[in-house]
Amino acid sequence: MVCPKVVFLDLDGTLVEFCIRYLEARQEALSLLKNYEVTADLKFTLRDSIFLMDREIKRVLGERLQPEQVYRQIHERLIGIVEKYEMQAAESTRLLPLVSQTLEKLKEMGLRLVLFTADGEKAMNHIVNRTGIRKFFEAMISRGESTKVKPHPDHITSAMLLVCSKSEETIVVGDSVADIASGKSVGAITVGVTTGLNSRQELSEAEADYLIDSVADLPDLIREIWRTGNCQ
């Protein structure tokens, strides 16, 4: 029986407008890497996230027995680029329509709400404080110090352990293919929201269990899942 009790909610593109200029950030990262001879043969493109670049650089430099400080220098500069663009977005983004009212409804339904974002701690806190939605969440999980962020399974696995959430009780809601892949990696229900990064078709191709046009549609969807699952 599938009876959602814990809702993992993405932030950018799901609850607030997606304002991160991620392609510009990736281009800046690619330009940075051209300055390092040790990364010259790594064929990254704009399709690769900065987190993927970072993980691959760490792996390759480790295999080549490069000193740890070489990786640390590149890592710090890459994360600096990420944080710069995140904070620019955090300053300008706004809540999507009916978000506060929807979060209130979900709480009234007895659901446990977890904010689950690839943003850094600083950007995440800035957004929830600016928009006034911090009060709705029992936990807020950023990427922390890790670059193993969604869709990497480590991110959601550690998050579920932190809040003691079982797969069959968990529903993962987000606007990106990464959100859907993250939820599927742990056997959770996945809900794609068409207000952000990826299109309805892309979310469908990622095999989201459900698609909604706004997070405001989520309470009715969960009630229907409860009804069909004979949840108490």
Protein backbone atom coordinates (compact mmCIF):
# COMPACT_ATOMS: atom_id res chain seq x y z
CA MET A 1 0.00 0.00 0.00
CA VAL A 2 1.35 3.44 -1.00
CA CYS A 3 0.28 6.12 1.49
CA PRO A 4 2.37 9.31 1.31
CA LYS A 5 3.18 10.88 4.67
CA VAL A 6 6.35 12.81 3.87
CA VAL A 7 6.60 15.30 1.00
CA PHE A 8 10.04 16.27 -0.31
CA LEU A 9 9.67 19.58 -2.14
CA ASP A 10 12.20 21.12 -4.47
CA LEU A 11 12.72 24.89 -4.23
CA ASP A 12 13.78 26.64 -7.46
CA GLY A 13 11.16 26.16 -10.18
CA THR A 14 8.77 24.34 -7.84
CA LEU A 15 8.04 26.77 -5.00
CA VAL A 16 9.82 29.86 -6.32
CA GLU A 17 10.60 31.11 -9.81
CA PHE A 18 13.57 29.43 -11.47
CA CYS A 19 16.00 32.35 -11.85
CA ILE A 20 19.39 30.64 -11.78
CA ARG A 21 21.32 31.45 -14.94
CA TYR A 22 22.79 27.98 -14.98
CA LEU A 23 24.06 28.01 -18.57
CA GLU A 24 26.08 31.16 -17.87
CA ALA A 25 27.44 29.51 -14.74
CA ARG A 26 28.46 26.41 -16.68
CA GLN A 27 30.13 28.53 -19.37
CA GLU A 28 32.12 30.35 -16.69
CA ALA A 29 33.15 27.00 -15.22
CA LEU A 30 34.26 25.70 -18.62
CA SER A 31 36.32 28.84 -19.15
CA LEU A 32 37.92 28.39 -15.74
CA LEU A 33 38.91 24.80 -16.46
CA LYS A 34 40.75 25.85 -19.61
CA ASN A 35 43.28 27.54 -17.31
CA TYR A 36 44.33 24.20 -15.78
CA GLU A 37 46.57 21.86 -17.72
CA VAL A 38 45.42 18.91 -15.58
CA THR A 39 41.83 19.28 -16.82
CA ALA A 40 42.60 20.17 -20.44
CA ASP A 41 41.68 16.73 -21.79
CA LEU A 42 38.34 16.47 -19.97
CA LYS A 43 35.59 17.02 -22.51
CA PHE A 44 32.86 18.80 -20.55
CA THR A 45 30.02 20.64 -22.29
CA LEU A 46 27.17 22.97 -21.33
CA ARG A 47 25.04 19.86 -20.80
CA ASP A 48 27.16 18.93 -17.78
CA SER A 49 26.34 20.36 -14.38
CA ILE A 50 29.14 21.98 -12.42
CA PHE A 51 28.65 19.32 -9.74
CA LEU A 52 29.24 16.58 -12.31
CA MET A 53 32.34 18.40 -13.54
CA ASP A 54 33.64 18.62 -9.98
CA ARG A 55 33.07 14.92 -9.23
CA GLU A 56 34.72 13.83 -12.46
CA ILE A 57 37.72 16.10 -11.87
CA LYS A 58 38.15 14.65 -8.37
CA ARG A 59 38.02 11.10 -9.75
CA VAL A 60 40.45 11.72 -12.60
CA LEU A 61 42.98 13.69 -10.55
CA GLY A 62 42.89 10.95 -7.91
CA GLU A 63 43.62 8.31 -10.55
CA ARG A 64 46.48 10.43 -11.86
CA LEU A 65 47.90 10.82 -8.34
CA GLN A 66 47.71 14.59 -8.46
CA PRO A 67 48.23 16.37 -5.11
CA GLU A 68 45.00 16.92 -3.15
CA GLN A 69 45.56 20.69 -3.12
CA VAL A 70 45.28 20.78 -6.93
CA TYR A 71 41.75 19.41 -6.75
CA ARG A 72 40.86 21.58 -3.73
CA GLN A 73 41.82 24.75 -5.60
CA ILE A 74 39.70 23.84 -8.62
CA HIS A 75 36.83 22.69 -6.39
CA GLU A 76 36.73 25.93 -4.42
CA ARG A 77 36.69 28.02 -7.58
CA LEU A 78 33.93 25.93 -9.15
CA ILE A 79 31.77 26.14 -6.01
CA GLY A 80 32.44 29.87 -5.91
CA ILE A 81 30.87 30.15 -9.36
CA VAL A 82 27.85 28.10 -8.26
CA GLU A 83 27.33 30.20 -5.14
CA LYS A 84 27.60 33.46 -7.05
CA TYR A 85 24.81 32.55 -9.45
CA GLU A 86 22.71 30.99 -6.69
CA MET A 87 22.82 34.15 -4.59
CA GLN A 88 21.98 36.35 -7.57
CA ALA A 89 18.88 34.21 -8.11
CA ALA A 90 18.05 34.15 -4.40
CA GLU A 91 17.96 37.96 -4.37
CA SER A 92 15.46 38.21 -7.22
CA THR A 93 13.25 35.12 -7.16
CA ARG A 94 9.62 35.22 -6.00
CA LEU A 95 7.12 32.67 -4.75
CA LEU A 96 5.10 31.00 -7.47
CA PRO A 97 1.30 31.52 -7.24
CA LEU A 98 -0.53 30.01 -4.24
CA VAL A 99 2.58 28.43 -2.75
CA SER A 100 2.05 29.63 0.83
CA GLN A 101 -1.62 28.61 0.78
CA THR A 102 -0.70 25.19 -0.65
CA LEU A 103 1.96 24.53 1.97
CA GLU A 104 -0.57 25.46 4.63
CA LYS A 105 -3.08 22.98 3.18
CA LEU A 106 -0.50 20.21 3.09
CA LYS A 107 0.35 20.82 6.75
CA GLU A 108 -3.35 20.77 7.65
CA MET A 109 -3.57 17.38 5.93
CA GLY A 110 -1.06 16.07 8.45
CA LEU A 111 1.79 15.73 5.96
CA ARG A 112 5.41 16.19 6.95
CA LEU A 113 7.10 18.70 4.63
CA VAL A 114 10.80 18.58 3.79
CA LEU A 115 12.53 21.19 1.64
CA PHE A 116 15.00 19.34 -0.57
CA THR A 117 17.22 21.46 -2.79
CA ALA A 118 20.56 21.39 -4.60
CA ASP A 119 21.06 25.00 -3.52
CA GLY A 120 23.74 25.79 -0.99
CA GLU A 121 22.81 26.56 2.60
CA LYS A 122 23.22 30.33 2.20
CA ALA A 123 21.00 30.64 -0.88
CA MET A 124 18.37 28.28 0.54
CA ASN A 125 18.12 30.18 3.81
CA HIS A 126 18.00 33.52 2.02
CA ILE A 127 15.07 32.41 -0.13
CA VAL A 128 12.98 30.88 2.66
CA ASN A 129 13.55 33.91 4.86
CA ARG A 130 12.71 36.40 2.11
CA THR A 131 9.56 34.54 1.11
CA GLY A 132 8.38 33.57 4.59
CA ILE A 133 7.99 29.83 3.94
CA ARG A 134 10.54 28.51 6.47
CA LYS A 135 7.77 27.86 9.04
CA PHE A 136 6.15 25.16 6.91
CA PHE A 137 9.10 22.73 6.90
CA GLU A 138 10.14 20.30 9.59
CA ALA A 139 13.51 19.99 7.83
CA MET A 140 15.37 21.90 5.12
CA ILE A 141 18.06 20.00 3.27
CA SER A 142 20.52 21.76 0.99
CA ARG A 143 23.52 20.23 -0.76
CA GLY A 144 25.68 21.06 2.27
CA GLU A 145 29.36 20.58 1.53
CA SER A 146 28.76 17.78 -0.97
CA THR A 147 28.70 17.85 -4.76
CA LYS A 148 26.82 14.53 -4.81
CA VAL A 149 23.53 16.34 -5.28
CA LYS A 150 20.35 15.13 -6.96
CA PRO A 151 20.05 13.17 -9.18
CA HIS A 152 22.95 11.46 -7.36
CA PRO A 153 21.21 8.98 -5.02
CA ASP A 154 23.42 9.88 -2.04
CA HIS A 155 21.62 13.21 -1.67
CA ILE A 156 18.10 11.86 -1.19
CA THR A 157 19.22 8.71 0.64
CA SER A 158 20.94 10.76 3.34
CA ALA A 159 17.98 13.14 3.46
CA MET A 160 15.51 10.29 4.03
CA LEU A 161 17.68 8.87 6.78
CA LEU A 162 17.81 12.28 8.44
CA VAL A 163 14.01 12.61 8.60
CA CYS A 164 13.31 8.86 9.09
CA SER A 165 11.24 8.58 5.92
CA LYS A 166 10.39 5.24 4.28
CA SER A 167 10.21 4.92 0.49
CA GLU A 168 6.55 3.87 0.47
CA GLU A 169 5.66 6.92 2.57
CA THR A 170 7.65 9.42 0.54
CA ILE A 171 6.58 11.63 -2.35
CA VAL A 172 9.19 13.69 -4.22
CA VAL A 173 7.97 16.83 -5.98
CA GLY A 174 10.06 18.88 -8.39
CA ASP A 175 10.31 20.67 -11.71
CA SER A 176 13.35 18.88 -13.10
CA VAL A 177 14.35 15.52 -14.47
CA ALA A 178 16.92 15.42 -11.66
CA ASP A 179 14.11 15.55 -9.09
CA ILE A 180 12.30 12.66 -10.75
CA ALA A 181 15.46 10.56 -11.06
CA SER A 182 16.25 11.26 -7.42
CA GLY A 183 12.86 10.05 -6.25
CA LYS A 184 12.93 6.98 -8.45
CA SER A 185 16.35 5.99 -7.14
CA VAL A 186 14.78 5.34 -3.72
CA GLY A 187 11.43 3.98 -4.89
CA ALA A 188 9.42 7.04 -3.86
CA ILE A 189 6.35 8.43 -5.64
CA THR A 190 7.46 11.16 -8.05
CA VAL A 191 5.54 14.23 -9.11
CA GLY A 192 6.74 16.51 -11.90
CA VAL A 193 5.68 20.17 -11.80
CA THR A 194 5.73 22.06 -15.10
CA THR A 195 6.64 25.46 -13.64
CA GLY A 196 10.41 25.34 -13.91
CA LEU A 197 13.44 23.85 -15.58
CA ASN A 198 12.07 20.93 -17.61
CA SER A 199 9.07 20.64 -19.89
CA ARG A 200 6.05 18.38 -19.44
CA GLN A 201 7.42 16.10 -22.16
CA GLU A 202 10.84 15.87 -20.50
CA LEU A 203 9.27 15.10 -17.13
CA SER A 204 7.06 12.49 -18.76
CA GLU A 205 10.04 10.89 -20.50
CA ALA A 206 11.77 10.78 -17.10
CA GLU A 207 8.81 8.60 -16.05
CA ALA A 208 7.37 10.84 -13.36
CA ASP A 209 4.48 9.00 -11.71
CA TYR A 210 2.30 12.11 -11.88
CA LEU A 211 2.45 15.47 -13.66
CA ILE A 212 0.86 18.68 -12.38
CA ASP A 213 0.85 22.21 -13.76
CA SER A 214 1.33 23.88 -10.38
CA VAL A 215 2.28 22.91 -6.85
CA ALA A 216 -1.22 24.21 -5.99
CA ASP A 217 -2.55 20.97 -7.55
CA LEU A 218 -0.63 18.84 -5.05
CA PRO A 219 -3.16 18.60 -2.17
CA ASP A 220 -5.88 17.22 -4.46
CA LEU A 221 -3.41 14.79 -6.05
CA ILE A 222 -2.33 13.43 -2.67
CA ARG A 223 -5.94 13.07 -1.54
CA GLU A 224 -6.59 11.01 -4.69
CA ILE A 225 -3.52 8.84 -4.01
CA TRP A 226 -4.80 8.31 -0.46
CA ARG A 227 -8.27 7.42 -1.74
CA THR A 228 -7.08 4.88 -4.30
CA GLY A 229 -4.64 3.38 -1.79
CA ASN A 230 -7.31 3.05 0.91
CA CYS A 231 -5.09 5.05 3.25
CA GLN A 232 -6.37 5.80 6.72
